[in-house]
Amino acid sequence: MDVLITDIRMPIMDGISLVKSLRKHNESLKIVISSAYGEFEYAKKAIELGVEHYILKPVDIEEFSYRRS
């Protein structure tokens, strides 16, 4: 299983654009966004794109640990 952990704001490409681009090539990729930006619009867009989790920084280690469903 492939997993991507990314942020929302990055120098070259923002996290939402990265997720959109990767989804075109790999719909089964598991994606986690960890960001200091808690704005609802970011989280809403992430959900629309099928992101597994949107975790706010500072990261709570319990929230960040992987649990298999």
PDB file of N, CA and C in Angstrom:
ATOM      1  N   MET A   1       0.848  -1.174   0.000  1.00  0.00           N
ATOM      2  CA  MET A   1       0.000   0.000   0.000  1.00  0.00           C
ATOM      3  C   MET A   1       0.894   1.238   0.000  1.00  0.00           C
ATOM      4  N   ASP A   2       0.579   2.169  -0.884  1.00  0.00           N
ATOM      5  CA  ASP A   2       1.320   3.428  -0.947  1.00  0.00           C
ATOM      6  C   ASP A   2       0.585   4.489  -0.136  1.00  0.00           C
ATOM      7  N   VAL A   3       1.375   5.285   0.602  1.00  0.00           N
ATOM      8  CA  VAL A   3       0.818   6.341   1.437  1.00  0.00           C
ATOM      9  C   VAL A   3       1.599   7.624   1.185  1.00  0.00           C
ATOM     10  N   LEU A   4       0.877   8.725   1.050  1.00  0.00           N
ATOM     11  CA  LEU A   4       1.483  10.045   0.923  1.00  0.00           C
ATOM     12  C   LEU A   4       1.084  10.872   2.127  1.00  0.00           C
ATOM     13  N   ILE A   5       2.062  11.485   2.773  1.00  0.00           N
ATOM     14  CA  ILE A   5       1.812  12.437   3.847  1.00  0.00           C
ATOM     15  C   ILE A   5       2.311  13.777   3.338  1.00  0.00           C
ATOM     16  N   THR A   6       1.420  14.758   3.297  1.00  0.00           N
ATOM     17  CA  THR A   6       1.780  16.054   2.736  1.00  0.00           C
ATOM     18  C   THR A   6       1.211  17.183   3.576  1.00  0.00           C
ATOM     19  N   ASP A   7       1.631  18.373   3.259  1.00  0.00           N
ATOM     20  CA  ASP A   7       1.140  19.585   3.903  1.00  0.00           C
ATOM     21  C   ASP A   7       0.243  20.302   2.895  1.00  0.00           C
ATOM     22  N   ILE A   8      -0.430  21.341   3.318  1.00  0.00           N
ATOM     23  CA  ILE A   8      -1.255  22.143   2.412  1.00  0.00           C
ATOM     24  C   ILE A   8      -0.401  23.185   1.696  1.00  0.00           C
ATOM     25  N   ARG A   9       0.335  23.958   2.453  1.00  0.00           N
ATOM     26  CA  ARG A   9       1.129  25.038   1.859  1.00  0.00           C
ATOM     27  C   ARG A   9       2.580  24.599   1.742  1.00  0.00           C
ATOM     28  N   MET A  10       3.036  24.579   0.475  1.00  0.00           N
ATOM     29  CA  MET A  10       4.418  24.205   0.187  1.00  0.00           C
ATOM     30  C   MET A  10       4.941  25.147  -0.886  1.00  0.00           C
ATOM     31  N   PRO A  11       6.254  25.264  -1.040  1.00  0.00           N
ATOM     32  CA  PRO A  11       6.830  26.259  -1.953  1.00  0.00           C
ATOM     33  C   PRO A  11       6.464  26.097  -3.432  1.00  0.00           C
ATOM     34  N   ILE A  12       6.477  24.904  -3.966  1.00  0.00           N
ATOM     35  CA  ILE A  12       6.314  24.734  -5.407  1.00  0.00           C
ATOM     36  C   ILE A  12       4.865  24.414  -5.779  1.00  0.00           C
ATOM     37  N   MET A  13       4.233  23.524  -5.052  1.00  0.00           N
ATOM     38  CA  MET A  13       2.859  23.112  -5.345  1.00  0.00           C
ATOM     39  C   MET A  13       2.128  22.931  -4.024  1.00  0.00           C
ATOM     40  N   ASP A  14       0.912  23.479  -3.927  1.00  0.00           N
ATOM     41  CA  ASP A  14       0.167  23.294  -2.686  1.00  0.00           C
ATOM     42  C   ASP A  14      -0.358  21.859  -2.600  1.00  0.00           C
ATOM     43  N   GLY A  15      -0.682  21.432  -1.400  1.00  0.00           N
ATOM     44  CA  GLY A  15      -1.090  20.052  -1.155  1.00  0.00           C
ATOM     45  C   GLY A  15      -2.341  19.631  -1.909  1.00  0.00           C
ATOM     46  N   ILE A  16      -3.308  20.542  -2.051  1.00  0.00           N
ATOM     47  CA  ILE A  16      -4.540  20.213  -2.773  1.00  0.00           C
ATOM     48  C   ILE A  16      -4.226  19.951  -4.243  1.00  0.00           C
ATOM     49  N   SER A  17      -3.384  20.764  -4.858  1.00  0.00           N
ATOM     50  CA  SER A  17      -2.987  20.546  -6.257  1.00  0.00           C
ATOM     51  C   SER A  17      -2.219  19.243  -6.408  1.00  0.00           C
ATOM     52  N   LEU A  18      -1.379  18.927  -5.443  1.00  0.00           N
ATOM     53  CA  LEU A  18      -0.634  17.673  -5.461  1.00  0.00           C
ATOM     54  C   LEU A  18      -1.590  16.479  -5.407  1.00  0.00           C
ATOM     55  N   VAL A  19      -2.569  16.538  -4.514  1.00  0.00           N
ATOM     56  CA  VAL A  19      -3.539  15.449  -4.389  1.00  0.00           C
ATOM     57  C   VAL A  19      -4.327  15.287  -5.687  1.00  0.00           C
ATOM     58  N   LYS A  20      -4.786  16.398  -6.269  1.00  0.00           N
ATOM     59  CA  LYS A  20      -5.524  16.334  -7.536  1.00  0.00           C
ATOM     60  C   LYS A  20      -4.697  15.661  -8.620  1.00  0.00           C
ATOM     61  N   SER A  21      -3.442  16.052  -8.717  1.00  0.00           N
ATOM     62  CA  SER A  21      -2.552  15.498  -9.738  1.00  0.00           C
ATOM     63  C   SER A  21      -2.321  14.002  -9.525  1.00  0.00           C
ATOM     64  N   LEU A  22      -2.067  13.606  -8.299  1.00  0.00           N
ATOM     65  CA  LEU A  22      -1.803  12.202  -8.007  1.00  0.00           C
ATOM     66  C   LEU A  22      -3.039  11.324  -8.168  1.00  0.00           C
ATOM     67  N   ARG A  23      -4.206  11.864  -7.859  1.00  0.00           N
ATOM     68  CA  ARG A  23      -5.448  11.096  -7.995  1.00  0.00           C
ATOM     69  C   ARG A  23      -5.689  10.687  -9.460  1.00  0.00           C
ATOM     70  N   LYS A  24      -5.233  11.495 -10.406  1.00  0.00           N
ATOM     71  CA  LYS A  24      -5.395  11.165 -11.830  1.00  0.00           C
ATOM     72  C   LYS A  24      -4.644   9.889 -12.191  1.00  0.00           C
ATOM     73  N   HIS A  25      -3.570   9.606 -11.457  1.00  0.00           N
ATOM     74  CA  HIS A  25      -2.700   8.469 -11.771  1.00  0.00           C
ATOM     75  C   HIS A  25      -2.873   7.288 -10.814  1.00  0.00           C
ATOM     76  N   ASN A  26      -3.363   7.571  -9.619  1.00  0.00           N
ATOM     77  CA  ASN A  26      -3.463   6.505  -8.620  1.00  0.00           C
ATOM     78  C   ASN A  26      -4.615   6.787  -7.664  1.00  0.00           C
ATOM     79  N   GLU A  27      -5.778   6.243  -7.975  1.00  0.00           N
ATOM     80  CA  GLU A  27      -6.955   6.484  -7.141  1.00  0.00           C
ATOM     81  C   GLU A  27      -6.907   5.757  -5.810  1.00  0.00           C
ATOM     82  N   SER A  28      -6.086   4.716  -5.706  1.00  0.00           N
ATOM     83  CA  SER A  28      -6.029   3.938  -4.462  1.00  0.00           C
ATOM     84  C   SER A  28      -4.976   4.446  -3.473  1.00  0.00           C
ATOM     85  N   LEU A  29      -4.210   5.460  -3.859  1.00  0.00           N
ATOM     86  CA  LEU A  29      -3.195   6.021  -2.980  1.00  0.00           C
ATOM     87  C   LEU A  29      -3.850   6.553  -1.709  1.00  0.00           C
ATOM     88  N   LYS A  30      -3.326   6.171  -0.558  1.00  0.00           N
ATOM     89  CA  LYS A  30      -3.806   6.672   0.729  1.00  0.00           C
ATOM     90  C   LYS A  30      -3.090   7.984   1.000  1.00  0.00           C
ATOM     91  N   ILE A  31      -3.861   9.026   1.306  1.00  0.00           N
ATOM     92  CA  ILE A  31      -3.274  10.353   1.493  1.00  0.00           C
ATOM     93  C   ILE A  31      -3.681  10.912   2.846  1.00  0.00           C
ATOM     94  N   VAL A  32      -2.681  11.450   3.548  1.00  0.00           N
ATOM     95  CA  VAL A  32      -2.888  12.124   4.825  1.00  0.00           C
ATOM     96  C   VAL A  32      -2.327  13.533   4.682  1.00  0.00           C
ATOM     97  N   ILE A  33      -3.119  14.515   5.055  1.00  0.00           N
ATOM     98  CA  ILE A  33      -2.640  15.894   5.072  1.00  0.00           C
ATOM     99  C   ILE A  33      -2.427  16.280   6.527  1.00  0.00           C
ATOM    100  N   SER A  34      -1.251  16.776   6.819  1.00  0.00           N
ATOM    101  CA  SER A  34      -0.925  17.287   8.142  1.00  0.00           C
ATOM    102  C   SER A  34      -0.565  18.755   7.964  1.00  0.00           C
ATOM    103  N   SER A  35      -1.378  19.629   8.533  1.00  0.00           N
ATOM    104  CA  SER A  35      -1.207  21.049   8.254  1.00  0.00           C
ATOM    105  C   SER A  35      -1.554  21.903   9.463  1.00  0.00           C
ATOM    106  N   ALA A  36      -0.957  23.067   9.522  1.00  0.00           N
ATOM    107  CA  ALA A  36      -1.283  24.038  10.559  1.00  0.00           C
ATOM    108  C   ALA A  36      -2.514  24.852  10.167  1.00  0.00           C
ATOM    109  N   TYR A  37      -2.980  24.675   8.928  1.00  0.00           N
ATOM    110  CA  TYR A  37      -4.132  25.426   8.434  1.00  0.00           C
ATOM    111  C   TYR A  37      -5.410  24.640   8.653  1.00  0.00           C
ATOM    112  N   GLY A  38      -6.245  25.122   9.565  1.00  0.00           N
ATOM    113  CA  GLY A  38      -7.475  24.438   9.910  1.00  0.00           C
ATOM    114  C   GLY A  38      -8.695  25.020   9.226  1.00  0.00           C
ATOM    115  N   GLU A  39      -8.495  25.866   8.211  1.00  0.00           N
ATOM    116  CA  GLU A  39      -9.625  26.458   7.511  1.00  0.00           C
ATOM    117  C   GLU A  39     -10.514  25.374   6.914  1.00  0.00           C
ATOM    118  N   PHE A  40     -11.805  25.569   7.061  1.00  0.00           N
ATOM    119  CA  PHE A  40     -12.782  24.587   6.612  1.00  0.00           C
ATOM    120  C   PHE A  40     -12.656  24.288   5.123  1.00  0.00           C
ATOM    121  N   GLU A  41     -12.382  25.287   4.306  1.00  0.00           N
ATOM    122  CA  GLU A  41     -12.308  25.078   2.852  1.00  0.00           C
ATOM    123  C   GLU A  41     -11.211  24.079   2.481  1.00  0.00           C
ATOM    124  N   TYR A  42     -10.070  24.124   3.167  1.00  0.00           N
ATOM    125  CA  TYR A  42      -9.005  23.151   2.907  1.00  0.00           C
ATOM    126  C   TYR A  42      -9.478  21.733   3.232  1.00  0.00           C
ATOM    127  N   ALA A  43     -10.077  21.576   4.399  1.00  0.00           N
ATOM    128  CA  ALA A  43     -10.541  20.250   4.819  1.00  0.00           C
ATOM    129  C   ALA A  43     -11.649  19.747   3.901  1.00  0.00           C
ATOM    130  N   LYS A  44     -12.560  20.626   3.518  1.00  0.00           N
ATOM    131  CA  LYS A  44     -13.655  20.247   2.619  1.00  0.00           C
ATOM    132  C   LYS A  44     -13.117  19.745   1.287  1.00  0.00           C
ATOM    133  N   LYS A  45     -12.180  20.477   0.707  1.00  0.00           N
ATOM    134  CA  LYS A  45     -11.599  20.082  -0.580  1.00  0.00           C
ATOM    135  C   LYS A  45     -10.855  18.761  -0.437  1.00  0.00           C
ATOM    136  N   ALA A  46     -10.144  18.584   0.661  1.00  0.00           N
ATOM    137  CA  ALA A  46      -9.415  17.338   0.905  1.00  0.00           C
ATOM    138  C   ALA A  46     -10.375  16.155   0.961  1.00  0.00           C
ATOM    139  N   ILE A  47     -11.501  16.327   1.627  1.00  0.00           N
ATOM    140  CA  ILE A  47     -12.498  15.259   1.713  1.00  0.00           C
ATOM    141  C   ILE A  47     -13.049  14.937   0.332  1.00  0.00           C
ATOM    142  N   GLU A  48     -13.341  15.968  -0.455  1.00  0.00           N
ATOM    143  CA  GLU A  48     -13.850  15.772  -1.818  1.00  0.00           C
ATOM    144  C   GLU A  48     -12.866  14.973  -2.670  1.00  0.00           C
ATOM    145  N   LEU A  49     -11.582  15.127  -2.388  1.00  0.00           N
ATOM    146  CA  LEU A  49     -10.543  14.430  -3.152  1.00  0.00           C
ATOM    147  C   LEU A  49     -10.199  13.058  -2.573  1.00  0.00           C
ATOM    148  N   GLY A  50     -10.886  12.648  -1.519  1.00  0.00           N
ATOM    149  CA  GLY A  50     -10.688  11.315  -0.970  1.00  0.00           C
ATOM    150  C   GLY A  50      -9.500  11.165  -0.038  1.00  0.00           C
ATOM    151  N   VAL A  51      -9.072  12.263   0.577  1.00  0.00           N
ATOM    152  CA  VAL A  51      -7.974  12.196   1.540  1.00  0.00           C
ATOM    153  C   VAL A  51      -8.436  11.399   2.755  1.00  0.00           C
ATOM    154  N   GLU A  52      -7.575  10.511   3.238  1.00  0.00           N
ATOM    155  CA  GLU A  52      -7.916   9.642   4.375  1.00  0.00           C
ATOM    156  C   GLU A  52      -8.081  10.422   5.679  1.00  0.00           C
ATOM    157  N   HIS A  53      -7.140  11.330   5.939  1.00  0.00           N
ATOM    158  CA  HIS A  53      -7.157  12.099   7.187  1.00  0.00           C
ATOM    159  C   HIS A  53      -6.620  13.494   6.934  1.00  0.00           C
ATOM    160  N   TYR A  54      -7.140  14.449   7.693  1.00  0.00           N
ATOM    161  CA  TYR A  54      -6.645  15.822   7.694  1.00  0.00           C
ATOM    162  C   TYR A  54      -6.298  16.118   9.146  1.00  0.00           C
ATOM    163  N   ILE A  55      -5.025  16.110   9.442  1.00  0.00           N
ATOM    164  CA  ILE A  55      -4.552  16.226  10.824  1.00  0.00           C
ATOM    165  C   ILE A  55      -3.931  17.602  11.036  1.00  0.00           C
ATOM    166  N   LEU A  56      -4.394  18.285  12.068  1.00  0.00           N
ATOM    167  CA  LEU A  56      -3.860  19.614  12.361  1.00  0.00           C
ATOM    168  C   LEU A  56      -2.567  19.533  13.161  1.00  0.00           C
ATOM    169  N   LYS A  57      -1.643  20.441  12.835  1.00  0.00           N
ATOM    170  CA  LYS A  57      -0.399  20.571  13.595  1.00  0.00           C
ATOM    171  C   LYS A  57      -0.651  21.498  14.767  1.00  0.00           C
ATOM    172  N   PRO A  58      -0.013  21.331  15.888  1.00  0.00           N
ATOM    173  CA  PRO A  58       0.935  20.259  16.171  1.00  0.00           C
ATOM    174  C   PRO A  58       0.203  18.920  16.216  1.00  0.00           C
ATOM    175  N   VAL A  59       0.877  17.904  15.737  1.00  0.00           N
ATOM    176  CA  VAL A  59       0.292  16.578  15.577  1.00  0.00           C
ATOM    177  C   VAL A  59       0.215  15.849  16.912  1.00  0.00           C
ATOM    178  N   ASP A  60      -0.955  15.299  17.167  1.00  0.00           N
ATOM    179  CA  ASP A  60      -1.156  14.408  18.319  1.00  0.00           C
ATOM    180  C   ASP A  60      -0.742  13.014  17.851  1.00  0.00           C
ATOM    181  N   ILE A  61       0.238  12.404  18.466  1.00  0.00           N
ATOM    182  CA  ILE A  61       0.789  11.121  18.023  1.00  0.00           C
ATOM    183  C   ILE A  61      -0.285  10.032  17.958  1.00  0.00           C
ATOM    184  N   GLU A  62      -1.266  10.070  18.836  1.00  0.00           N
ATOM    185  CA  GLU A  62      -2.353   9.082  18.809  1.00  0.00           C
ATOM    186  C   GLU A  62      -3.184   9.230  17.535  1.00  0.00           C
ATOM    187  N   GLU A  63      -3.438  10.457  17.139  1.00  0.00           N
ATOM    188  CA  GLU A  63      -4.217  10.712  15.929  1.00  0.00           C
ATOM    189  C   GLU A  63      -3.432  10.325  14.680  1.00  0.00           C
ATOM    190  N   PHE A  64      -2.131  10.457  14.745  1.00  0.00           N
ATOM    191  CA  PHE A  64      -1.273  10.221  13.590  1.00  0.00           C
ATOM    192  C   PHE A  64      -0.967   8.746  13.361  1.00  0.00           C
ATOM    193  N   SER A  65      -1.063   7.928  14.392  1.00  0.00           N
ATOM    194  CA  SER A  65      -0.723   6.516  14.225  1.00  0.00           C
ATOM    195  C   SER A  65      -1.766   5.816  13.359  1.00  0.00           C
ATOM    196  N   TYR A  66      -1.283   4.908  12.533  1.00  0.00           N
ATOM    197  CA  TYR A  66      -2.128   4.204  11.563  1.00  0.00           C
ATOM    198  C   TYR A  66      -2.909   3.102  12.235  1.00  0.00           C
ATOM    199  N   ARG A  67      -4.200   3.061  11.962  1.00  0.00           N
ATOM    200  CA  ARG A  67      -5.052   1.979  12.450  1.00  0.00           C
ATOM    201  C   ARG A  67      -5.745   1.361  11.263  1.00  0.00           C
ATOM    202  N   ARG A  68      -5.624   0.073  11.126  1.00  0.00           N
ATOM    203  CA  ARG A  68      -6.257  -0.638  10.026  1.00  0.00           C
ATOM    204  C   ARG A  68      -7.728  -0.865  10.357  1.00  0.00           C
ATOM    205  N   SER A  69      -8.621  -0.536   9.425  1.00  0.00           N
ATOM    206  CA  SER A  69     -10.070  -0.716   9.630  1.00  0.00           C
ATOM    207  C   SER A  69     -10.468  -2.137   9.408  1.00  0.00           C
TER     208      SER A  69
END
